[in-house]
Full PDB file with SEQRES, HELIX, SHEET, SSBOND, CRYST1, ORIGX, SCALE, CONECT and MASTER records, all heavy atoms in Angstrom:
SEQRES   1 A   45  PRO ASP SER VAL PRO ARG LEU TYR SER SER ARG GLY TYR          
SEQRES   2 A   45  LEU THR HIS GLN GLY PRO ALA ARG PRO ASP MET ALA ALA          
SEQRES   3 A   45  THR ALA GLU ALA LEU ARG THR ALA SER ALA PRO VAL LEU          
SEQRES   4 A   45  LEU ALA GLY GLY GLY VAL                                      
HELIX    1 AA1 SER A   10  TYR A   13  5                                   4    
HELIX    2 AA2 ALA A   25  THR A   33  1                                   9    
CRYST1    1.000    1.000    1.000  90.00  90.00  90.00 P 1           1          
ORIGX1      1.000000  0.000000  0.000000        0.00000                         
ORIGX2      0.000000  1.000000  0.000000        0.00000                         
ORIGX3      0.000000  0.000000  1.000000        0.00000                         
SCALE1      1.000000  0.000000  0.000000        0.00000                         
SCALE2      0.000000  1.000000  0.000000        0.00000                         
SCALE3      0.000000  0.000000  1.000000        0.00000                         
ATOM      1  N   PRO A   1      94.054 -35.572  17.492  1.00  0.00           N  
ATOM      2  CA  PRO A   1      94.273 -34.178  16.987  1.00  0.00           C  
ATOM      3  C   PRO A   1      95.481 -34.054  16.082  1.00  0.00           C  
ATOM      4  O   PRO A   1      95.580 -33.052  15.358  1.00  0.00           O  
ATOM      5  CB  PRO A   1      94.359 -33.354  18.298  1.00  0.00           C  
ATOM      6  CG  PRO A   1      94.827 -34.361  19.309  1.00  0.00           C  
ATOM      7  CD  PRO A   1      94.111 -35.652  18.928  1.00  0.00           C  
ATOM      8  N   ASP A   2      96.400 -35.003  16.177  1.00  0.00           N  
ATOM      9  CA  ASP A   2      97.584 -34.917  15.356  1.00  0.00           C  
ATOM     10  C   ASP A   2      97.537 -35.793  14.113  1.00  0.00           C  
ATOM     11  O   ASP A   2      98.545 -35.974  13.411  1.00  0.00           O  
ATOM     12  CB  ASP A   2      98.826 -35.314  16.220  1.00  0.00           C  
ATOM     13  CG  ASP A   2      99.033 -34.330  17.395  1.00  0.00           C  
ATOM     14  OD1 ASP A   2      98.817 -33.153  17.212  1.00  0.00           O  
ATOM     15  OD2 ASP A   2      99.468 -34.785  18.471  1.00  0.00           O  
ATOM     16  N   SER A   3      96.373 -36.408  13.867  1.00  0.00           N  
ATOM     17  CA  SER A   3      96.267 -37.254  12.675  1.00  0.00           C  
ATOM     18  C   SER A   3      96.441 -36.415  11.407  1.00  0.00           C  
ATOM     19  O   SER A   3      96.126 -35.233  11.389  1.00  0.00           O  
ATOM     20  CB  SER A   3      94.908 -37.931  12.651  1.00  0.00           C  
ATOM     21  OG  SER A   3      94.769 -38.849  13.746  1.00  0.00           O  
ATOM     22  N   VAL A   4      96.936 -37.024  10.402  1.00  0.00           N  
ATOM     23  CA  VAL A   4      97.179 -36.391   9.124  1.00  0.00           C  
ATOM     24  C   VAL A   4      96.461 -37.232   8.043  1.00  0.00           C  
ATOM     25  O   VAL A   4      96.728 -38.440   7.950  1.00  0.00           O  
ATOM     26  CB  VAL A   4      98.663 -36.260   8.808  1.00  0.00           C  
ATOM     27  CG1 VAL A   4      98.838 -35.556   7.414  1.00  0.00           C  
ATOM     28  CG2 VAL A   4      99.351 -35.411   9.887  1.00  0.00           C  
ATOM     29  N   PRO A   5      95.606 -36.572   7.207  1.00  0.00           N  
ATOM     30  CA  PRO A   5      95.129 -35.183   7.319  1.00  0.00           C  
ATOM     31  C   PRO A   5      94.407 -34.880   8.641  1.00  0.00           C  
ATOM     32  O   PRO A   5      93.932 -35.766   9.323  1.00  0.00           O  
ATOM     33  CB  PRO A   5      94.145 -35.081   6.157  1.00  0.00           C  
ATOM     34  CG  PRO A   5      94.538 -36.188   5.203  1.00  0.00           C  
ATOM     35  CD  PRO A   5      95.021 -37.283   6.063  1.00  0.00           C  
ATOM     36  N   ARG A   6      94.383 -33.616   8.987  1.00  0.00           N  
ATOM     37  CA  ARG A   6      93.750 -33.195  10.225  1.00  0.00           C  
ATOM     38  C   ARG A   6      92.256 -33.492  10.237  1.00  0.00           C  
ATOM     39  O   ARG A   6      91.586 -33.438   9.209  1.00  0.00           O  
ATOM     40  CB  ARG A   6      93.956 -31.714  10.467  1.00  0.00           C  
ATOM     41  CG  ARG A   6      95.420 -31.284  10.528  1.00  0.00           C  
ATOM     42  CD  ARG A   6      96.109 -31.698  11.732  1.00  0.00           C  
ATOM     43  NE  ARG A   6      97.472 -31.205  11.810  1.00  0.00           N  
ATOM     44  CZ  ARG A   6      98.342 -31.512  12.749  1.00  0.00           C  
ATOM     45  NH1 ARG A   6      97.986 -32.313  13.720  1.00  0.00           N  
ATOM     46  NH2 ARG A   6      99.584 -31.004  12.710  1.00  0.00           N  
ATOM     47  N   LEU A   7      91.764 -33.840  11.423  1.00  0.00           N  
ATOM     48  CA  LEU A   7      90.330 -34.058  11.608  1.00  0.00           C  
ATOM     49  C   LEU A   7      89.701 -32.913  12.353  1.00  0.00           C  
ATOM     50  O   LEU A   7      90.008 -32.631  13.502  1.00  0.00           O  
ATOM     51  CB  LEU A   7      90.125 -35.373  12.379  1.00  0.00           C  
ATOM     52  CG  LEU A   7      90.542 -36.656  11.672  1.00  0.00           C  
ATOM     53  CD1 LEU A   7      90.393 -37.850  12.640  1.00  0.00           C  
ATOM     54  CD2 LEU A   7      89.710 -36.876  10.431  1.00  0.00           C  
ATOM     55  N   TYR A   8      88.830 -32.221  11.594  1.00  0.00           N  
ATOM     56  CA  TYR A   8      88.129 -31.063  12.197  1.00  0.00           C  
ATOM     57  C   TYR A   8      86.645 -31.372  12.384  1.00  0.00           C  
ATOM     58  O   TYR A   8      86.105 -32.376  11.914  1.00  0.00           O  
ATOM     59  CB  TYR A   8      88.255 -29.861  11.262  1.00  0.00           C  
ATOM     60  CG  TYR A   8      89.650 -29.353  11.093  1.00  0.00           C  
ATOM     61  CD1 TYR A   8      90.385 -29.589   9.908  1.00  0.00           C  
ATOM     62  CD2 TYR A   8      90.322 -28.692  12.106  1.00  0.00           C  
ATOM     63  CE1 TYR A   8      91.690 -29.170   9.737  1.00  0.00           C  
ATOM     64  CE2 TYR A   8      91.646 -28.241  11.963  1.00  0.00           C  
ATOM     65  CZ  TYR A   8      92.306 -28.491  10.796  1.00  0.00           C  
ATOM     66  OH  TYR A   8      93.583 -28.056  10.610  1.00  0.00           O  
ATOM     67  N   SER A   9      85.966 -30.494  13.101  1.00  0.00           N  
ATOM     68  CA  SER A   9      84.521 -30.635  13.330  1.00  0.00           C  
ATOM     69  C   SER A   9      83.775 -30.823  12.021  1.00  0.00           C  
ATOM     70  O   SER A   9      84.040 -30.128  11.022  1.00  0.00           O  
ATOM     71  CB  SER A   9      84.015 -29.410  14.048  1.00  0.00           C  
ATOM     72  OG  SER A   9      82.616 -29.331  14.027  1.00  0.00           O  
ATOM     73  N   SER A  10      82.815 -31.714  12.018  1.00  0.00           N  
ATOM     74  CA  SER A  10      81.993 -31.939  10.817  1.00  0.00           C  
ATOM     75  C   SER A  10      81.238 -30.670  10.371  1.00  0.00           C  
ATOM     76  O   SER A  10      81.036 -30.473   9.191  1.00  0.00           O  
ATOM     77  CB  SER A  10      80.962 -33.059  11.079  1.00  0.00           C  
ATOM     78  OG  SER A  10      81.599 -34.249  11.446  1.00  0.00           O  
ATOM     79  N   ARG A  11      80.859 -29.854  11.353  1.00  0.00           N  
ATOM     80  CA  ARG A  11      80.036 -28.679  10.997  1.00  0.00           C  
ATOM     81  C   ARG A  11      80.765 -27.771  10.035  1.00  0.00           C  
ATOM     82  O   ARG A  11      80.145 -27.074   9.205  1.00  0.00           O  
ATOM     83  CB  ARG A  11      79.684 -27.901  12.278  1.00  0.00           C  
ATOM     84  CG  ARG A  11      78.766 -28.643  13.217  1.00  0.00           C  
ATOM     85  CD  ARG A  11      78.302 -27.759  14.382  1.00  0.00           C  
ATOM     86  NE  ARG A  11      79.412 -27.306  15.222  1.00  0.00           N  
ATOM     87  CZ  ARG A  11      79.929 -28.001  16.216  1.00  0.00           C  
ATOM     88  NH1 ARG A  11      79.448 -29.191  16.528  1.00  0.00           N  
ATOM     89  NH2 ARG A  11      80.948 -27.496  16.915  1.00  0.00           N  
ATOM     90  N   GLY A  12      82.095 -27.748  10.081  1.00  0.00           N  
ATOM     91  CA  GLY A  12      82.825 -26.868   9.210  1.00  0.00           C  
ATOM     92  C   GLY A  12      82.805 -27.258   7.751  1.00  0.00           C  
ATOM     93  O   GLY A  12      83.159 -26.486   6.846  1.00  0.00           O  
ATOM     94  N   TYR A  13      82.382 -28.507   7.505  1.00  0.00           N  
ATOM     95  CA  TYR A  13      82.335 -28.999   6.124  1.00  0.00           C  
ATOM     96  C   TYR A  13      80.941 -28.811   5.499  1.00  0.00           C  
ATOM     97  O   TYR A  13      80.799 -29.031   4.279  1.00  0.00           O  
ATOM     98  CB  TYR A  13      82.733 -30.493   6.065  1.00  0.00           C  
ATOM     99  CG  TYR A  13      84.157 -30.737   6.444  1.00  0.00           C  
ATOM    100  CD1 TYR A  13      84.479 -31.224   7.727  1.00  0.00           C  
ATOM    101  CD2 TYR A  13      85.180 -30.512   5.551  1.00  0.00           C  
ATOM    102  CE1 TYR A  13      85.796 -31.457   8.065  1.00  0.00           C  
ATOM    103  CE2 TYR A  13      86.484 -30.741   5.899  1.00  0.00           C  
ATOM    104  CZ  TYR A  13      86.804 -31.227   7.182  1.00  0.00           C  
ATOM    105  OH  TYR A  13      88.094 -31.446   7.530  1.00  0.00           O  
ATOM    106  N   LEU A  14      79.977 -28.447   6.310  1.00  0.00           N  
ATOM    107  CA  LEU A  14      78.610 -28.302   5.798  1.00  0.00           C  
ATOM    108  C   LEU A  14      78.363 -26.889   5.351  1.00  0.00           C  
ATOM    109  O   LEU A  14      78.910 -25.931   5.948  1.00  0.00           O  
ATOM    110  CB  LEU A  14      77.629 -28.754   6.852  1.00  0.00           C  
ATOM    111  CG  LEU A  14      77.785 -30.192   7.404  1.00  0.00           C  
ATOM    112  CD1 LEU A  14      76.726 -30.498   8.461  1.00  0.00           C  
ATOM    113  CD2 LEU A  14      77.683 -31.173   6.265  1.00  0.00           C  
ATOM    114  N   THR A  15      77.522 -26.688   4.404  1.00  0.00           N  
ATOM    115  CA  THR A  15      77.242 -25.376   3.861  1.00  0.00           C  
ATOM    116  C   THR A  15      76.427 -24.550   4.901  1.00  0.00           C  
ATOM    117  O   THR A  15      75.456 -25.022   5.439  1.00  0.00           O  
ATOM    118  CB  THR A  15      76.396 -25.473   2.580  1.00  0.00           C  
ATOM    119  OG1 THR A  15      77.155 -26.206   1.639  1.00  0.00           O  
ATOM    120  CG2 THR A  15      76.136 -24.080   1.982  1.00  0.00           C  
ATOM    121  N   HIS A  16      76.911 -23.323   5.172  1.00  0.00           N  
ATOM    122  CA  HIS A  16      76.264 -22.464   6.181  1.00  0.00           C  
ATOM    123  C   HIS A  16      75.566 -21.279   5.511  1.00  0.00           C  
ATOM    124  O   HIS A  16      74.497 -20.858   5.947  1.00  0.00           O  
ATOM    125  CB  HIS A  16      77.270 -21.975   7.162  1.00  0.00           C  
ATOM    126  CG  HIS A  16      77.955 -23.029   7.982  1.00  0.00           C  
ATOM    127  ND1 HIS A  16      77.308 -23.758   8.946  1.00  0.00           N  
ATOM    128  CD2 HIS A  16      79.212 -23.543   7.891  1.00  0.00           C  
ATOM    129  CE1 HIS A  16      78.129 -24.631   9.454  1.00  0.00           C  
ATOM    130  NE2 HIS A  16      79.267 -24.544   8.830  1.00  0.00           N  
ATOM    131  N   GLN A  17      76.158 -20.709   4.492  1.00  0.00           N  
ATOM    132  CA  GLN A  17      75.633 -19.501   3.873  1.00  0.00           C  
ATOM    133  C   GLN A  17      74.357 -19.803   3.106  1.00  0.00           C  
ATOM    134  O   GLN A  17      74.317 -20.755   2.354  1.00  0.00           O  
ATOM    135  CB  GLN A  17      76.646 -18.907   2.953  1.00  0.00           C  
ATOM    136  CG  GLN A  17      76.210 -17.548   2.372  1.00  0.00           C  
ATOM    137  CD  GLN A  17      77.347 -16.915   1.527  1.00  0.00           C  
ATOM    138  OE1 GLN A  17      78.436 -17.426   1.512  1.00  0.00           O  
ATOM    139  NE2 GLN A  17      77.038 -15.787   0.909  1.00  0.00           N  
ATOM    140  N   GLY A  18      73.351 -18.972   3.278  1.00  0.00           N  
ATOM    141  CA  GLY A  18      72.098 -19.156   2.483  1.00  0.00           C  
ATOM    142  C   GLY A  18      72.316 -18.956   1.014  1.00  0.00           C  
ATOM    143  O   GLY A  18      73.223 -18.224   0.630  1.00  0.00           O  
ATOM    144  N   PRO A  19      71.476 -19.559   0.208  1.00  0.00           N  
ATOM    145  CA  PRO A  19      71.608 -19.444  -1.228  1.00  0.00           C  
ATOM    146  C   PRO A  19      71.325 -18.035  -1.721  1.00  0.00           C  
ATOM    147  O   PRO A  19      70.530 -17.319  -1.084  1.00  0.00           O  
ATOM    148  CB  PRO A  19      70.628 -20.466  -1.756  1.00  0.00           C  
ATOM    149  CG  PRO A  19      69.600 -20.560  -0.713  1.00  0.00           C  
ATOM    150  CD  PRO A  19      70.370 -20.443   0.627  1.00  0.00           C  
ATOM    151  N   ALA A  20      71.937 -17.608  -2.805  1.00  0.00           N  
ATOM    152  CA  ALA A  20      71.686 -16.283  -3.364  1.00  0.00           C  
ATOM    153  C   ALA A  20      70.264 -16.193  -3.845  1.00  0.00           C  
ATOM    154  O   ALA A  20      69.668 -17.185  -4.314  1.00  0.00           O  
ATOM    155  CB  ALA A  20      72.644 -16.060  -4.536  1.00  0.00           C  
ATOM    156  N   ARG A  21      69.656 -15.017  -3.705  1.00  0.00           N  
ATOM    157  CA  ARG A  21      68.282 -14.827  -4.114  1.00  0.00           C  
ATOM    158  C   ARG A  21      68.256 -14.501  -5.649  1.00  0.00           C  
ATOM    159  O   ARG A  21      68.883 -13.559  -6.064  1.00  0.00           O  
ATOM    160  CB  ARG A  21      67.663 -13.688  -3.324  1.00  0.00           C  
ATOM    161  CG  ARG A  21      66.215 -13.371  -3.770  1.00  0.00           C  
ATOM    162  CD  ARG A  21      65.612 -12.258  -2.942  1.00  0.00           C  
ATOM    163  NE  ARG A  21      65.226 -12.730  -1.599  1.00  0.00           N  
ATOM    164  CZ  ARG A  21      64.446 -12.003  -0.821  1.00  0.00           C  
ATOM    165  NH1 ARG A  21      63.945 -10.856  -1.181  1.00  0.00           N  
ATOM    166  NH2 ARG A  21      64.157 -12.480   0.393  1.00  0.00           N  
ATOM    167  N   PRO A  22      67.566 -15.345  -6.420  1.00  0.00           N  
ATOM    168  CA  PRO A  22      67.523 -15.083  -7.879  1.00  0.00           C  
ATOM    169  C   PRO A  22      66.616 -13.919  -8.234  1.00  0.00           C  
ATOM    170  O   PRO A  22      65.788 -13.516  -7.428  1.00  0.00           O  
ATOM    171  CB  PRO A  22      66.959 -16.427  -8.407  1.00  0.00           C  
ATOM    172  CG  PRO A  22      66.082 -16.910  -7.316  1.00  0.00           C  
ATOM    173  CD  PRO A  22      66.791 -16.507  -6.028  1.00  0.00           C  
ATOM    174  N   ASP A  23      66.792 -13.411  -9.417  1.00  0.00           N  
ATOM    175  CA  ASP A  23      65.903 -12.394  -9.955  1.00  0.00           C  
ATOM    176  C   ASP A  23      64.584 -12.967 -10.385  1.00  0.00           C  
ATOM    177  O   ASP A  23      64.591 -13.764 -11.392  1.00  0.00           O  
ATOM    178  CB  ASP A  23      66.661 -11.678 -11.054  1.00  0.00           C  
ATOM    179  CG  ASP A  23      65.813 -10.469 -11.641  1.00  0.00           C  
ATOM    180  OD1 ASP A  23      64.682 -10.275 -11.150  1.00  0.00           O  
ATOM    181  OD2 ASP A  23      66.327  -9.777 -12.492  1.00  0.00           O  
ATOM    182  N   MET A  24      63.523 -12.671  -9.714  1.00  0.00           N  
ATOM    183  CA  MET A  24      62.215 -13.246 -10.058  1.00  0.00           C  
ATOM    184  C   MET A  24      61.269 -12.201 -10.591  1.00  0.00           C  
ATOM    185  O   MET A  24      60.017 -12.455 -10.659  1.00  0.00           O  
ATOM    186  CB  MET A  24      61.644 -13.950  -8.819  1.00  0.00           C  
ATOM    187  CG  MET A  24      62.473 -15.079  -8.225  1.00  0.00           C  
ATOM    188  SD  MET A  24      62.671 -16.439  -9.334  1.00  0.00           S  
ATOM    189  CE  MET A  24      61.060 -17.195  -9.286  1.00  0.00           C  
ATOM    190  N   ALA A  25      61.785 -11.067 -11.036  1.00  0.00           N  
ATOM    191  CA  ALA A  25      60.880 -10.026 -11.545  1.00  0.00           C  
ATOM    192  C   ALA A  25      60.096 -10.468 -12.774  1.00  0.00           C  
ATOM    193  O   ALA A  25      58.864 -10.197 -12.854  1.00  0.00           O  
ATOM    194  CB  ALA A  25      61.722  -8.775 -11.876  1.00  0.00           C  
ATOM    195  N   ALA A  26      60.725 -11.141 -13.703  1.00  0.00           N  
ATOM    196  CA  ALA A  26      60.020 -11.576 -14.880  1.00  0.00           C  
ATOM    197  C   ALA A  26      58.953 -12.621 -14.550  1.00  0.00           C  
ATOM    198  O   ALA A  26      57.882 -12.635 -15.172  1.00  0.00           O  
ATOM    199  CB  ALA A  26      61.029 -12.125 -15.905  1.00  0.00           C  
ATOM    200  N   THR A  27      59.278 -13.517 -13.618  1.00  0.00           N  
ATOM    201  CA  THR A  27      58.288 -14.486 -13.187  1.00  0.00           C  
ATOM    202  C   THR A  27      57.102 -13.875 -12.563  1.00  0.00           C  
ATOM    203  O   THR A  27      55.924 -14.212 -12.793  1.00  0.00           O  
ATOM    204  CB  THR A  27      58.950 -15.534 -12.247  1.00  0.00           C  
ATOM    205  OG1 THR A  27      60.100 -16.073 -12.887  1.00  0.00           O  
ATOM    206  CG2 THR A  27      57.958 -16.597 -11.867  1.00  0.00           C  
ATOM    207  N   ALA A  28      57.345 -12.881 -11.712  1.00  0.00           N  
ATOM    208  CA  ALA A  28      56.236 -12.174 -11.075  1.00  0.00           C  
ATOM    209  C   ALA A  28      55.363 -11.478 -12.081  1.00  0.00           C  
ATOM    210  O   ALA A  28      54.156 -11.552 -12.013  1.00  0.00           O  
ATOM    211  CB  ALA A  28      56.805 -11.138 -10.067  1.00  0.00           C  
ATOM    212  N   GLU A  29      55.975 -10.862 -13.086  1.00  0.00           N  
ATOM    213  CA  GLU A  29      55.214 -10.201 -14.142  1.00  0.00           C  
ATOM    214  C   GLU A  29      54.374 -11.234 -14.957  1.00  0.00           C  
ATOM    215  O   GLU A  29      53.265 -10.982 -15.311  1.00  0.00           O  
ATOM    216  CB  GLU A  29      56.155  -9.455 -15.074  1.00  0.00           C  
ATOM    217  CG  GLU A  29      55.418  -8.664 -16.206  1.00  0.00           C  
ATOM    218  CD  GLU A  29      54.457  -7.614 -15.679  1.00  0.00           C  
ATOM    219  OE1 GLU A  29      54.534  -7.221 -14.479  1.00  0.00           O  
ATOM    220  OE2 GLU A  29      53.630  -7.171 -16.486  1.00  0.00           O  
ATOM    221  N   ALA A  30      54.957 -12.384 -15.152  1.00  0.00           N  
ATOM    222  CA  ALA A  30      54.261 -13.442 -15.888  1.00  0.00           C  
ATOM    223  C   ALA A  30      52.992 -13.896 -15.125  1.00  0.00           C  
ATOM    224  O   ALA A  30      51.935 -14.107 -15.690  1.00  0.00           O  
ATOM    225  CB  ALA A  30      55.162 -14.644 -16.154  1.00  0.00           C  
ATOM    226  N   LEU A  31      53.131 -14.005 -13.805  1.00  0.00           N  
ATOM    227  CA  LEU A  31      51.956 -14.400 -12.969  1.00  0.00           C  
ATOM    228  C   LEU A  31      50.946 -13.328 -12.854  1.00  0.00           C  
ATOM    229  O   LEU A  31      49.756 -13.578 -12.692  1.00  0.00           O  
ATOM    230  CB  LEU A  31      52.437 -14.845 -11.605  1.00  0.00           C  
ATOM    231  CG  LEU A  31      53.303 -16.130 -11.540  1.00  0.00           C  
ATOM    232  CD1 LEU A  31      53.747 -16.395 -10.154  1.00  0.00           C  
ATOM    233  CD2 LEU A  31      52.519 -17.304 -12.070  1.00  0.00           C  
ATOM    234  N   ARG A  32      51.407 -12.050 -12.955  1.00  0.00           N  
ATOM    235  CA  ARG A  32      50.431 -10.921 -12.915  1.00  0.00           C  
ATOM    236  C   ARG A  32      49.613 -10.836 -14.168  1.00  0.00           C  
ATOM    237  O   ARG A  32      48.422 -10.559 -14.122  1.00  0.00           O  
ATOM    238  CB  ARG A  32      51.167  -9.597 -12.704  1.00  0.00           C  
ATOM    239  CG  ARG A  32      51.534  -9.294 -11.229  1.00  0.00           C  
ATOM    240  CD  ARG A  32      52.024  -7.851 -11.108  1.00  0.00           C  
ATOM    241  NE  ARG A  32      53.328  -7.656 -11.699  1.00  0.00           N  
ATOM    242  CZ  ARG A  32      54.490  -7.759 -11.058  1.00  0.00           C  
ATOM    243  NH1 ARG A  32      54.460  -8.036  -9.766  1.00  0.00           N  
ATOM    244  NH2 ARG A  32      55.650  -7.550 -11.676  1.00  0.00           N  
ATOM    245  N   THR A  33      50.211 -11.142 -15.284  1.00  0.00           N  
ATOM    246  CA  THR A  33      49.571 -10.872 -16.616  1.00  0.00           C  
ATOM    247  C   THR A  33      48.957 -12.109 -17.260  1.00  0.00           C  
ATOM    248  O   THR A  33      48.182 -11.953 -18.206  1.00  0.00           O  
ATOM    249  CB  THR A  33      50.576 -10.218 -17.555  1.00  0.00           C  
ATOM    250  OG1 THR A  33      51.705 -11.131 -17.708  1.00  0.00           O  
ATOM    251  CG2 THR A  33      51.077  -8.918 -17.014  1.00  0.00           C  
ATOM    252  N   ALA A  34      49.277 -13.282 -16.749  1.00  0.00           N  
ATOM    253  CA  ALA A  34      48.739 -14.478 -17.393  1.00  0.00           C  
ATOM    254  C   ALA A  34      47.228 -14.578 -17.258  1.00  0.00           C  
ATOM    255  O   ALA A  34      46.624 -14.076 -16.266  1.00  0.00           O  
ATOM    256  CB  ALA A  34      49.352 -15.735 -16.748  1.00  0.00           C  
ATOM    257  N   SER A  35      46.581 -15.143 -18.221  1.00  0.00           N  
ATOM    258  CA  SER A  35      45.139 -15.282 -18.130  1.00  0.00           C  
ATOM    259  C   SER A  35      44.722 -16.528 -17.381  1.00  0.00           C  
ATOM    260  O   SER A  35      43.666 -16.572 -16.728  1.00  0.00           O  
ATOM    261  CB  SER A  35      44.526 -15.309 -19.505  1.00  0.00           C  
ATOM    262  OG  SER A  35      45.063 -16.425 -20.305  1.00  0.00           O  
ATOM    263  N   ALA A  36      45.590 -17.565 -17.436  1.00  0.00           N  
ATOM    264  CA  ALA A  36      45.283 -18.831 -16.747  1.00  0.00           C  
ATOM    265  C   ALA A  36      46.565 -19.454 -16.186  1.00  0.00           C  
ATOM    266  O   ALA A  36      47.022 -20.498 -16.685  1.00  0.00           O  
ATOM    267  CB  ALA A  36      44.568 -19.786 -17.673  1.00  0.00           C  
ATOM    268  N   PRO A  37      47.179 -18.865 -15.174  1.00  0.00           N  
ATOM    269  CA  PRO A  37      48.428 -19.410 -14.624  1.00  0.00           C  
ATOM    270  C   PRO A  37      48.127 -20.633 -13.727  1.00  0.00           C  
ATOM    271  O   PRO A  37      47.041 -20.736 -13.112  1.00  0.00           O  
ATOM    272  CB  PRO A  37      48.985 -18.298 -13.825  1.00  0.00           C  
ATOM    273  CG  PRO A  37      47.778 -17.534 -13.334  1.00  0.00           C  
ATOM    274  CD  PRO A  37      46.797 -17.630 -14.434  1.00  0.00           C  
ATOM    275  N   VAL A  38      49.063 -21.552 -13.667  1.00  0.00           N  
ATOM    276  CA  VAL A  38      48.947 -22.719 -12.778  1.00  0.00           C  
ATOM    277  C   VAL A  38      50.312 -22.878 -12.086  1.00  0.00           C  
ATOM    278  O   VAL A  38      51.376 -22.756 -12.655  1.00  0.00           O  
ATOM    279  CB  VAL A  38      48.617 -24.002 -13.576  1.00  0.00           C  
ATOM    280  CG1 VAL A  38      48.837 -25.250 -12.690  1.00  0.00           C  
ATOM    281  CG2 VAL A  38      47.172 -23.973 -14.056  1.00  0.00           C  
ATOM    282  N   LEU A  39      50.261 -23.191 -10.753  1.00  0.00           N  
ATOM    283  CA  LEU A  39      51.451 -23.518  -9.989  1.00  0.00           C  
ATOM    284  C   LEU A  39      51.572 -25.021  -9.948  1.00  0.00           C  
ATOM    285  O   LEU A  39      50.660 -25.715  -9.471  1.00  0.00           O  
ATOM    286  CB  LEU A  39      51.343 -22.974  -8.587  1.00  0.00           C  
ATOM    287  CG  LEU A  39      51.030 -21.439  -8.466  1.00  0.00           C  
ATOM    288  CD1 LEU A  39      50.948 -21.032  -6.998  1.00  0.00           C  
ATOM    289  CD2 LEU A  39      52.045 -20.649  -9.233  1.00  0.00           C  
ATOM    290  N   LEU A  40      52.701 -25.567 -10.451  1.00  0.00           N  
ATOM    291  CA  LEU A  40      52.892 -27.003 -10.503  1.00  0.00           C  
ATOM    292  C   LEU A  40      53.967 -27.398  -9.453  1.00  0.00           C  
ATOM    293  O   LEU A  40      55.144 -26.964  -9.612  1.00  0.00           O  
ATOM    294  CB  LEU A  40      53.346 -27.431 -11.943  1.00  0.00           C  
ATOM    295  CG  LEU A  40      53.429 -28.882 -12.247  1.00  0.00           C  
ATOM    296  CD1 LEU A  40      53.393 -29.051 -13.791  1.00  0.00           C  
ATOM    297  CD2 LEU A  40      54.682 -29.528 -11.709  1.00  0.00           C  
ATOM    298  N   ALA A  41      53.600 -28.111  -8.436  1.00  0.00           N  
ATOM    299  CA  ALA A  41      54.497 -28.449  -7.313  1.00  0.00           C  
ATOM    300  C   ALA A  41      54.905 -29.862  -7.379  1.00  0.00           C  
ATOM    301  O   ALA A  41      54.085 -30.810  -7.363  1.00  0.00           O  
ATOM    302  CB  ALA A  41      53.795 -28.132  -5.998  1.00  0.00           C  
ATOM    303  N   GLY A  42      56.251 -30.106  -7.403  1.00  0.00           N  
ATOM    304  CA  GLY A  42      56.794 -31.465  -7.362  1.00  0.00           C  
ATOM    305  C   GLY A  42      57.355 -31.820  -6.001  1.00  0.00           C  
ATOM    306  O   GLY A  42      57.222 -31.053  -5.036  1.00  0.00           O  
ATOM    307  N   GLY A  43      58.025 -32.929  -5.929  1.00  0.00           N  
ATOM    308  CA  GLY A  43      58.563 -33.383  -4.660  1.00  0.00           C  
ATOM    309  C   GLY A  43      59.666 -32.479  -4.170  1.00  0.00           C  
ATOM    310  O   GLY A  43      59.978 -32.491  -2.963  1.00  0.00           O  
ATOM    311  N   GLY A  44      60.257 -31.656  -5.055  1.00  0.00           N  
ATOM    312  CA  GLY A  44      61.258 -30.692  -4.591  1.00  0.00           C  
ATOM    313  C   GLY A  44      60.726 -29.677  -3.627  1.00  0.00           C  
ATOM    314  O   GLY A  44      61.527 -29.114  -2.835  1.00  0.00           O  
ATOM    315  N   VAL A  45      59.432 -29.424  -3.643  1.00  0.00           N  
ATOM    316  CA  VAL A  45      58.825 -28.472  -2.661  1.00  0.00           C  
ATOM    317  C   VAL A  45      59.000 -29.077  -1.259  1.00  0.00           C  
ATOM    318  O   VAL A  45      59.302 -28.299  -0.312  1.00  0.00           O  
ATOM    319  CB  VAL A  45      57.354 -28.227  -2.979  1.00  0.00           C  
ATOM    320  CG1 VAL A  45      56.694 -27.432  -1.902  1.00  0.00           C  
ATOM    321  CG2 VAL A  45      57.236 -27.476  -4.343  1.00  0.00           C  
TER     322      VAL A  45                                                      
MASTER        0    0    0    2    0    0    0    6  321    1    0    4          
END                                                                             
């Protein structure tokens, strides 16, 4: 506990807050009005 630099719990270094929600209004409108929309899913899904 007296080591320098201090050693704290690993959990405190990991991101906890959820990501901000982007504005998807234009995307929604594009999917509503497109004549032939396609959803393309990559490994990121």
